[in-house]
Amino acid sequence: GKPQSRRNVLRAVHAAGDATGLNGEGRERVGVHDLRHSFVAVAVSAGLTLPEAAALARHANPRVTAAVYAGLPDSARAGLGAKLATAFGG
């Protein structure tokens, strides 16, 4: 019933990262902000617009989302030529 403290949330995220093998030796531990990056990346990959993803991430300005979170994964880069050809009737 009560809100969790930030420290307890971070402990839970660290434990989940440990359990899944994401926190390995020589790697920085997965944190809460990593979940935010993943969420925005998945949302954009699923077809949400930057303003929609920004609203869900609670950014006041979609430019923050575009500049910080909306990197293009290699899998999306591979399909850019086909999208461009389709857009221009090729």
PDB file of N, CA and C in Angstrom:
ATOM      1  N   GLY A   1       0.737  -1.187   0.000  1.00  0.00           N
ATOM      2  CA  GLY A   1       0.000   0.000   0.000  1.00  0.00           C
ATOM      3  C   GLY A   1       0.795   1.279   0.000  1.00  0.00           C
ATOM      4  N   LYS A   2       1.994   1.308   0.546  1.00  0.00           N
ATOM      5  CA  LYS A   2       2.760   2.556   0.605  1.00  0.00           C
ATOM      6  C   LYS A   2       3.746   2.626  -0.566  1.00  0.00           C
ATOM      7  N   PRO A   3       4.080   3.846  -1.008  1.00  0.00           N
ATOM      8  CA  PRO A   3       5.101   3.978  -2.056  1.00  0.00           C
ATOM      9  C   PRO A   3       6.441   3.419  -1.575  1.00  0.00           C
ATOM     10  N   GLN A   4       7.195   2.869  -2.498  1.00  0.00           N
ATOM     11  CA  GLN A   4       8.511   2.328  -2.176  1.00  0.00           C
ATOM     12  C   GLN A   4       9.550   3.447  -2.176  1.00  0.00           C
ATOM     13  N   SER A   5      10.558   3.278  -1.354  1.00  0.00           N
ATOM     14  CA  SER A   5      11.651   4.247  -1.354  1.00  0.00           C
ATOM     15  C   SER A   5      12.508   4.029  -2.601  1.00  0.00           C
ATOM     16  N   ARG A   6      13.195   5.057  -3.016  1.00  0.00           N
ATOM     17  CA  ARG A   6      14.081   4.945  -4.185  1.00  0.00           C
ATOM     18  C   ARG A   6      15.137   3.868  -3.965  1.00  0.00           C
ATOM     19  N   ARG A   7      15.628   3.777  -2.741  1.00  0.00           N
ATOM     20  CA  ARG A   7      16.657   2.787  -2.427  1.00  0.00           C
ATOM     21  C   ARG A   7      16.134   1.364  -2.600  1.00  0.00           C
ATOM     22  N   ASN A   8      14.898   1.117  -2.157  1.00  0.00           N
ATOM     23  CA  ASN A   8      14.320  -0.221  -2.312  1.00  0.00           C
ATOM     24  C   ASN A   8      14.078  -0.562  -3.779  1.00  0.00           C
ATOM     25  N   VAL A   9      13.658   0.422  -4.551  1.00  0.00           N
ATOM     26  CA  VAL A   9      13.463   0.203  -5.989  1.00  0.00           C
ATOM     27  C   VAL A   9      14.799  -0.141  -6.638  1.00  0.00           C
ATOM     28  N   LEU A  10      15.850   0.597  -6.299  1.00  0.00           N
ATOM     29  CA  LEU A  10      17.169   0.332  -6.874  1.00  0.00           C
ATOM     30  C   LEU A  10      17.666  -1.052  -6.474  1.00  0.00           C
ATOM     31  N   ARG A  11      17.445  -1.448  -5.226  1.00  0.00           N
ATOM     32  CA  ARG A  11      17.828  -2.809  -4.799  1.00  0.00           C
ATOM     33  C   ARG A  11      17.116  -3.866  -5.638  1.00  0.00           C
ATOM     34  N   ALA A  12      15.831  -3.662  -5.891  1.00  0.00           N
ATOM     35  CA  ALA A  12      15.054  -4.625  -6.683  1.00  0.00           C
ATOM     36  C   ALA A  12      15.568  -4.690  -8.122  1.00  0.00           C
ATOM     37  N   VAL A  13      15.893  -3.542  -8.708  1.00  0.00           N
ATOM     38  CA  VAL A  13      16.424  -3.518 -10.081  1.00  0.00           C
ATOM     39  C   VAL A  13      17.790  -4.185 -10.127  1.00  0.00           C
ATOM     40  N   HIS A  14      18.633  -3.911  -9.142  1.00  0.00           N
ATOM     41  CA  HIS A  14      19.950  -4.569  -9.092  1.00  0.00           C
ATOM     42  C   HIS A  14      19.793  -6.082  -8.946  1.00  0.00           C
ATOM     43  N   ALA A  15      18.884  -6.517  -8.101  1.00  0.00           N
ATOM     44  CA  ALA A  15      18.657  -7.958  -7.914  1.00  0.00           C
ATOM     45  C   ALA A  15      18.173  -8.600  -9.209  1.00  0.00           C
ATOM     46  N   ALA A  16      17.285  -7.922  -9.929  1.00  0.00           N
ATOM     47  CA  ALA A  16      16.798  -8.459 -11.206  1.00  0.00           C
ATOM     48  C   ALA A  16      17.933  -8.520 -12.227  1.00  0.00           C
ATOM     49  N   GLY A  17      18.779  -7.492 -12.251  1.00  0.00           N
ATOM     50  CA  GLY A  17      19.932  -7.499 -13.154  1.00  0.00           C
ATOM     51  C   GLY A  17      20.908  -8.616 -12.824  1.00  0.00           C
ATOM     52  N   ASP A  18      21.109  -8.856 -11.542  1.00  0.00           N
ATOM     53  CA  ASP A  18      21.974  -9.966 -11.115  1.00  0.00           C
ATOM     54  C   ASP A  18      21.379 -11.303 -11.546  1.00  0.00           C
ATOM     55  N   ALA A  19      20.073 -11.466 -11.316  1.00  0.00           N
ATOM     56  CA  ALA A  19      19.395 -12.733 -11.613  1.00  0.00           C
ATOM     57  C   ALA A  19      19.383 -13.051 -13.107  1.00  0.00           C
ATOM     58  N   THR A  20      19.353 -12.030 -13.943  1.00  0.00           N
ATOM     59  CA  THR A  20      19.298 -12.260 -15.389  1.00  0.00           C
ATOM     60  C   THR A  20      20.676 -12.247 -16.049  1.00  0.00           C
ATOM     61  N   GLY A  21      21.715 -12.000 -15.252  1.00  0.00           N
ATOM     62  CA  GLY A  21      23.070 -12.006 -15.797  1.00  0.00           C
ATOM     63  C   GLY A  21      23.474 -10.706 -16.481  1.00  0.00           C
ATOM     64  N   LEU A  22      22.688  -9.652 -16.319  1.00  0.00           N
ATOM     65  CA  LEU A  22      23.038  -8.368 -16.934  1.00  0.00           C
ATOM     66  C   LEU A  22      24.139  -7.647 -16.174  1.00  0.00           C
ATOM     67  N   ASN A  23      24.251  -7.916 -14.884  1.00  0.00           N
ATOM     68  CA  ASN A  23      25.268  -7.275 -14.055  1.00  0.00           C
ATOM     69  C   ASN A  23      26.459  -8.223 -13.918  1.00  0.00           C
ATOM     70  N   GLY A  24      27.379  -8.135 -14.845  1.00  0.00           N
ATOM     71  CA  GLY A  24      28.539  -9.009 -14.789  1.00  0.00           C
ATOM     72  C   GLY A  24      29.771  -8.269 -14.314  1.00  0.00           C
ATOM     73  N   GLU A  25      30.817  -9.021 -14.085  1.00  0.00           N
ATOM     74  CA  GLU A  25      32.070  -8.414 -13.656  1.00  0.00           C
ATOM     75  C   GLU A  25      32.581  -7.468 -14.733  1.00  0.00           C
ATOM     76  N   GLY A  26      32.991  -6.289 -14.311  1.00  0.00           N
ATOM     77  CA  GLY A  26      33.497  -5.292 -15.247  1.00  0.00           C
ATOM     78  C   GLY A  26      32.412  -4.481 -15.924  1.00  0.00           C
ATOM     79  N   ARG A  27      31.159  -4.739 -15.617  1.00  0.00           N
ATOM     80  CA  ARG A  27      30.049  -3.982 -16.194  1.00  0.00           C
ATOM     81  C   ARG A  27      29.406  -3.111 -15.127  1.00  0.00           C
ATOM     82  N   GLU A  28      28.896  -1.976 -15.553  1.00  0.00           N
ATOM     83  CA  GLU A  28      28.121  -1.137 -14.649  1.00  0.00           C
ATOM     84  C   GLU A  28      26.777  -1.820 -14.402  1.00  0.00           C
ATOM     85  N   ARG A  29      26.320  -1.779 -13.164  1.00  0.00           N
ATOM     86  CA  ARG A  29      25.058  -2.433 -12.823  1.00  0.00           C
ATOM     87  C   ARG A  29      23.880  -1.744 -13.499  1.00  0.00           C
ATOM     88  N   VAL A  30      22.889  -2.540 -13.880  1.00  0.00           N
ATOM     89  CA  VAL A  30      21.664  -2.009 -14.461  1.00  0.00           C
ATOM     90  C   VAL A  30      20.968  -1.152 -13.412  1.00  0.00           C
ATOM     91  N   GLY A  31      20.494   0.009 -13.845  1.00  0.00           N
ATOM     92  CA  GLY A  31      19.808   0.914 -12.923  1.00  0.00           C
ATOM     93  C   GLY A  31      18.421   1.269 -13.419  1.00  0.00           C
ATOM     94  N   VAL A  32      17.741   2.060 -12.652  1.00  0.00           N
ATOM     95  CA  VAL A  32      16.371   2.455 -12.972  1.00  0.00           C
ATOM     96  C   VAL A  32      16.326   3.243 -14.277  1.00  0.00           C
ATOM     97  N   HIS A  33      17.310   4.102 -14.512  1.00  0.00           N
ATOM     98  CA  HIS A  33      17.304   4.907 -15.734  1.00  0.00           C
ATOM     99  C   HIS A  33      17.489   4.032 -16.977  1.00  0.00           C
ATOM    100  N   ASP A  34      18.183   2.911 -16.833  1.00  0.00           N
ATOM    101  CA  ASP A  34      18.321   1.978 -17.954  1.00  0.00           C
ATOM    102  C   ASP A  34      16.958   1.455 -18.393  1.00  0.00           C
ATOM    103  N   LEU A  35      16.070   1.248 -17.433  1.00  0.00           N
ATOM    104  CA  LEU A  35      14.718   0.799 -17.768  1.00  0.00           C
ATOM    105  C   LEU A  35      13.986   1.860 -18.582  1.00  0.00           C
ATOM    106  N   ARG A  36      14.220   3.106 -18.249  1.00  0.00           N
ATOM    107  CA  ARG A  36      13.593   4.212 -18.977  1.00  0.00           C
ATOM    108  C   ARG A  36      14.088   4.251 -20.419  1.00  0.00           C
ATOM    109  N   HIS A  37      15.398   4.104 -20.610  1.00  0.00           N
ATOM    110  CA  HIS A  37      15.953   4.063 -21.966  1.00  0.00           C
ATOM    111  C   HIS A  37      15.340   2.912 -22.760  1.00  0.00           C
ATOM    112  N   SER A  38      15.276   1.748 -22.156  1.00  0.00           N
ATOM    113  CA  SER A  38      14.715   0.581 -22.839  1.00  0.00           C
ATOM    114  C   SER A  38      13.257   0.803 -23.197  1.00  0.00           C
ATOM    115  N   PHE A  39      12.488   1.362 -22.273  1.00  0.00           N
ATOM    116  CA  PHE A  39      11.080   1.621 -22.526  1.00  0.00           C
ATOM    117  C   PHE A  39      10.892   2.528 -23.727  1.00  0.00           C
ATOM    118  N   VAL A  40      11.623   3.640 -23.761  1.00  0.00           N
ATOM    119  CA  VAL A  40      11.470   4.593 -24.870  1.00  0.00           C
ATOM    120  C   VAL A  40      11.921   3.950 -26.174  1.00  0.00           C
ATOM    121  N   ALA A  41      13.007   3.203 -26.166  1.00  0.00           N
ATOM    122  CA  ALA A  41      13.480   2.550 -27.386  1.00  0.00           C
ATOM    123  C   ALA A  41      12.455   1.557 -27.919  1.00  0.00           C
ATOM    124  N   VAL A  42      11.859   0.773 -27.033  1.00  0.00           N
ATOM    125  CA  VAL A  42      10.836  -0.195 -27.450  1.00  0.00           C
ATOM    126  C   VAL A  42       9.591   0.530 -27.957  1.00  0.00           C
ATOM    127  N   ALA A  43       9.197   1.597 -27.287  1.00  0.00           N
ATOM    128  CA  ALA A  43       8.012   2.353 -27.703  1.00  0.00           C
ATOM    129  C   ALA A  43       8.193   2.924 -29.112  1.00  0.00           C
ATOM    130  N   VAL A  44       9.357   3.514 -29.377  1.00  0.00           N
ATOM    131  CA  VAL A  44       9.620   4.085 -30.700  1.00  0.00           C
ATOM    132  C   VAL A  44       9.698   2.963 -31.745  1.00  0.00           C
ATOM    133  N   SER A  45      10.338   1.850 -31.398  1.00  0.00           N
ATOM    134  CA  SER A  45      10.427   0.718 -32.332  1.00  0.00           C
ATOM    135  C   SER A  45       9.055   0.124 -32.637  1.00  0.00           C
ATOM    136  N   ALA A  46       8.144   0.227 -31.678  1.00  0.00           N
ATOM    137  CA  ALA A  46       6.794  -0.306 -31.862  1.00  0.00           C
ATOM    138  C   ALA A  46       5.902   0.625 -32.671  1.00  0.00           C
ATOM    139  N   GLY A  47       6.433   1.798 -33.026  1.00  0.00           N
ATOM    140  CA  GLY A  47       5.679   2.688 -33.889  1.00  0.00           C
ATOM    141  C   GLY A  47       5.119   3.928 -33.223  1.00  0.00           C
ATOM    142  N   LEU A  48       5.363   4.115 -31.927  1.00  0.00           N
ATOM    143  CA  LEU A  48       4.920   5.352 -31.295  1.00  0.00           C
ATOM    144  C   LEU A  48       5.736   6.509 -31.842  1.00  0.00           C
ATOM    145  N   THR A  49       5.112   7.649 -31.976  1.00  0.00           N
ATOM    146  CA  THR A  49       5.833   8.834 -32.433  1.00  0.00           C
ATOM    147  C   THR A  49       6.685   9.362 -31.283  1.00  0.00           C
ATOM    148  N   LEU A  50       7.634  10.223 -31.609  1.00  0.00           N
ATOM    149  CA  LEU A  50       8.462  10.817 -30.561  1.00  0.00           C
ATOM    150  C   LEU A  50       7.627  11.613 -29.554  1.00  0.00           C
ATOM    151  N   PRO A  51       6.642  12.407 -30.001  1.00  0.00           N
ATOM    152  CA  PRO A  51       5.818  13.094 -29.001  1.00  0.00           C
ATOM    153  C   PRO A  51       5.047  12.126 -28.095  1.00  0.00           C
ATOM    154  N   GLU A  52       4.580  11.014 -28.626  1.00  0.00           N
ATOM    155  CA  GLU A  52       3.882  10.023 -27.798  1.00  0.00           C
ATOM    156  C   GLU A  52       4.836   9.395 -26.780  1.00  0.00           C
ATOM    157  N   ALA A  53       6.023   8.988 -27.261  1.00  0.00           N
ATOM    158  CA  ALA A  53       7.009   8.393 -26.353  1.00  0.00           C
ATOM    159  C   ALA A  53       7.445   9.412 -25.302  1.00  0.00           C
ATOM    160  N   ALA A  54       7.586  10.674 -25.704  1.00  0.00           N
ATOM    161  CA  ALA A  54       7.973  11.725 -24.757  1.00  0.00           C
ATOM    162  C   ALA A  54       6.917  11.896 -23.675  1.00  0.00           C
ATOM    163  N   ALA A  55       5.660  11.851 -24.070  1.00  0.00           N
ATOM    164  CA  ALA A  55       4.581  11.988 -23.083  1.00  0.00           C
ATOM    165  C   ALA A  55       4.607  10.822 -22.095  1.00  0.00           C
ATOM    166  N   LEU A  56       4.808   9.610 -22.598  1.00  0.00           N
ATOM    167  CA  LEU A  56       4.857   8.450 -21.712  1.00  0.00           C
ATOM    168  C   LEU A  56       6.080   8.475 -20.801  1.00  0.00           C
ATOM    169  N   ALA A  57       7.190   9.026 -21.299  1.00  0.00           N
ATOM    170  CA  ALA A  57       8.406   9.136 -20.490  1.00  0.00           C
ATOM    171  C   ALA A  57       8.361  10.369 -19.590  1.00  0.00           C
ATOM    172  N   ARG A  58       7.306  11.150 -19.722  1.00  0.00           N
ATOM    173  CA  ARG A  58       7.081  12.360 -18.924  1.00  0.00           C
ATOM    174  C   ARG A  58       8.141  13.433 -19.189  1.00  0.00           C
ATOM    175  N   HIS A  59       8.551  13.524 -20.454  1.00  0.00           N
ATOM    176  CA  HIS A  59       9.431  14.612 -20.860  1.00  0.00           C
ATOM    177  C   HIS A  59       8.570  15.812 -21.205  1.00  0.00           C
ATOM    178  N   ALA A  60       8.986  16.988 -20.790  1.00  0.00           N
ATOM    179  CA  ALA A  60       8.241  18.200 -21.096  1.00  0.00           C
ATOM    180  C   ALA A  60       8.359  18.564 -22.570  1.00  0.00           C
ATOM    181  N   ASN A  61       9.439  18.121 -23.210  1.00  0.00           N
ATOM    182  CA  ASN A  61       9.700  18.502 -24.589  1.00  0.00           C
ATOM    183  C   ASN A  61      10.161  17.271 -25.380  1.00  0.00           C
ATOM    184  N   PRO A  62       9.504  16.933 -26.490  1.00  0.00           N
ATOM    185  CA  PRO A  62       9.914  15.772 -27.296  1.00  0.00           C
ATOM    186  C   PRO A  62      11.342  15.860 -27.829  1.00  0.00           C
ATOM    187  N   ARG A  63      11.915  17.072 -27.873  1.00  0.00           N
ATOM    188  CA  ARG A  63      13.309  17.203 -28.333  1.00  0.00           C
ATOM    189  C   ARG A  63      14.268  16.451 -27.420  1.00  0.00           C
ATOM    190  N   VAL A  64      13.950  16.408 -26.137  1.00  0.00           N
ATOM    191  CA  VAL A  64      14.777  15.641 -25.197  1.00  0.00           C
ATOM    192  C   VAL A  64      14.743  14.173 -25.593  1.00  0.00           C
ATOM    193  N   THR A  65      13.561  13.676 -25.880  1.00  0.00           N
ATOM    194  CA  THR A  65      13.410  12.280 -26.278  1.00  0.00           C
ATOM    195  C   THR A  65      14.194  12.011 -27.553  1.00  0.00           C
ATOM    196  N   ALA A  66      14.074  12.900 -28.519  1.00  0.00           N
ATOM    197  CA  ALA A  66      14.763  12.723 -29.800  1.00  0.00           C
ATOM    198  C   ALA A  66      16.272  12.755 -29.623  1.00  0.00           C
ATOM    199  N   ALA A  67      16.757  13.683 -28.812  1.00  0.00           N
ATOM    200  CA  ALA A  67      18.202  13.853 -28.658  1.00  0.00           C
ATOM    201  C   ALA A  67      18.836  12.771 -27.804  1.00  0.00           C
ATOM    202  N   VAL A  68      18.144  12.323 -26.763  1.00  0.00           N
ATOM    203  CA  VAL A  68      18.764  11.433 -25.794  1.00  0.00           C
ATOM    204  C   VAL A  68      18.412   9.970 -26.016  1.00  0.00           C
ATOM    205  N   TYR A  69      17.177   9.688 -26.352  1.00  0.00           N
ATOM    206  CA  TYR A  69      16.700   8.310 -26.326  1.00  0.00           C
ATOM    207  C   TYR A  69      16.484   7.659 -27.681  1.00  0.00           C
ATOM    208  N   ALA A  70      16.306   8.415 -28.704  1.00  0.00           N
ATOM    209  CA  ALA A  70      15.833   7.841 -29.957  1.00  0.00           C
ATOM    210  C   ALA A  70      16.947   7.463 -30.918  1.00  0.00           C
ATOM    211  N   GLY A  71      17.977   6.828 -30.421  1.00  0.00           N
ATOM    212  CA  GLY A  71      19.018   6.314 -31.299  1.00  0.00           C
ATOM    213  C   GLY A  71      18.456   5.226 -32.198  1.00  0.00           C
ATOM    214  N   LEU A  72      19.036   5.040 -33.347  1.00  0.00           N
ATOM    215  CA  LEU A  72      18.539   4.065 -34.308  1.00  0.00           C
ATOM    216  C   LEU A  72      19.330   2.772 -34.168  1.00  0.00           C
ATOM    217  N   PRO A  73      18.660   1.660 -33.808  1.00  0.00           N
ATOM    218  CA  PRO A  73      19.390   0.398 -33.679  1.00  0.00           C
ATOM    219  C   PRO A  73      19.832  -0.121 -35.045  1.00  0.00           C
ATOM    220  N   ASP A  74      20.840  -0.973 -35.054  1.00  0.00           N
ATOM    221  CA  ASP A  74      21.358  -1.528 -36.308  1.00  0.00           C
ATOM    222  C   ASP A  74      20.270  -2.223 -37.108  1.00  0.00           C
ATOM    223  N   SER A  75      19.357  -2.913 -36.431  1.00  0.00           N
ATOM    224  CA  SER A  75      18.293  -3.618 -37.146  1.00  0.00           C
ATOM    225  C   SER A  75      17.409  -2.636 -37.911  1.00  0.00           C
ATOM    226  N   ALA A  76      17.187  -1.441 -37.361  1.00  0.00           N
ATOM    227  CA  ALA A  76      16.381  -0.441 -38.058  1.00  0.00           C
ATOM    228  C   ALA A  76      17.165   0.197 -39.201  1.00  0.00           C
ATOM    229  N   ARG A  77      18.470   0.359 -39.024  1.00  0.00           N
ATOM    230  CA  ARG A  77      19.300   0.941 -40.085  1.00  0.00           C
ATOM    231  C   ARG A  77      19.265   0.076 -41.337  1.00  0.00           C
ATOM    232  N   ALA A  78      19.212  -1.230 -41.159  1.00  0.00           N
ATOM    233  CA  ALA A  78      19.214  -2.148 -42.294  1.00  0.00           C
ATOM    234  C   ALA A  78      17.997  -1.944 -43.191  1.00  0.00           C
ATOM    235  N   GLY A  79      16.883  -1.533 -42.632  1.00  0.00           N
ATOM    236  CA  GLY A  79      15.666  -1.367 -43.425  1.00  0.00           C
ATOM    237  C   GLY A  79      15.435   0.029 -43.962  1.00  0.00           C
ATOM    238  N   LEU A  80      16.370   0.947 -43.747  1.00  0.00           N
ATOM    239  CA  LEU A  80      16.166   2.330 -44.177  1.00  0.00           C
ATOM    240  C   LEU A  80      16.049   2.467 -45.693  1.00  0.00           C
ATOM    241  N   GLY A  81      16.851   1.745 -46.444  1.00  0.00           N
ATOM    242  CA  GLY A  81      16.821   1.833 -47.905  1.00  0.00           C
ATOM    243  C   GLY A  81      15.467   1.415 -48.448  1.00  0.00           C
ATOM    244  N   ALA A  82      14.919   0.334 -47.940  1.00  0.00           N
ATOM    245  CA  ALA A  82      13.611  -0.133 -48.397  1.00  0.00           C
ATOM    246  C   ALA A  82      12.514   0.860 -48.050  1.00  0.00           C
ATOM    247  N   LYS A  83      12.571   1.462 -46.860  1.00  0.00           N
ATOM    248  CA  LYS A  83      11.574   2.455 -46.493  1.00  0.00           C
ATOM    249  C   LYS A  83      11.640   3.668 -47.391  1.00  0.00           C
ATOM    250  N   LEU A  84      12.847   4.104 -47.696  1.00  0.00           N
ATOM    251  CA  LEU A  84      13.033   5.258 -48.560  1.00  0.00           C
ATOM    252  C   LEU A  84      12.510   4.962 -49.969  1.00  0.00           C
ATOM    253  N   ALA A  85      12.815   3.782 -50.480  1.00  0.00           N
ATOM    254  CA  ALA A  85      12.330   3.387 -51.804  1.00  0.00           C
ATOM    255  C   ALA A  85      10.810   3.346 -51.844  1.00  0.00           C
ATOM    256  N   THR A  86      10.192   2.820 -50.805  1.00  0.00           N
ATOM    257  CA  THR A  86       8.733   2.766 -50.745  1.00  0.00           C
ATOM    258  C   THR A  86       8.138   4.166 -50.691  1.00  0.00           C
ATOM    259  N   ALA A  87       8.747   5.038 -49.915  1.00  0.00           N
ATOM    260  CA  ALA A  87       8.238   6.408 -49.766  1.00  0.00           C
ATOM    261  C   ALA A  87       8.279   7.175 -51.089  1.00  0.00           C
ATOM    262  N   PHE A  88       9.282   6.873 -51.905  1.00  0.00           N
ATOM    263  CA  PHE A  88       9.426   7.595 -53.168  1.00  0.00           C
ATOM    264  C   PHE A  88       8.989   6.773 -54.386  1.00  0.00           C
ATOM    265  N   GLY A  89       8.210   5.733 -54.134  1.00  0.00           N
ATOM    266  CA  GLY A  89       7.636   4.957 -55.209  1.00  0.00           C
ATOM    267  C   GLY A  89       8.617   4.077 -55.950  1.00  0.00           C
ATOM    268  N   GLY A  90       9.693   3.682 -55.295  1.00  0.00           N
ATOM    269  CA  GLY A  90      10.722   2.885 -55.961  1.00  0.00           C
ATOM    270  C   GLY A  90      10.611   1.481 -55.756  1.00  0.00           C
TER     271      GLY A  90
END
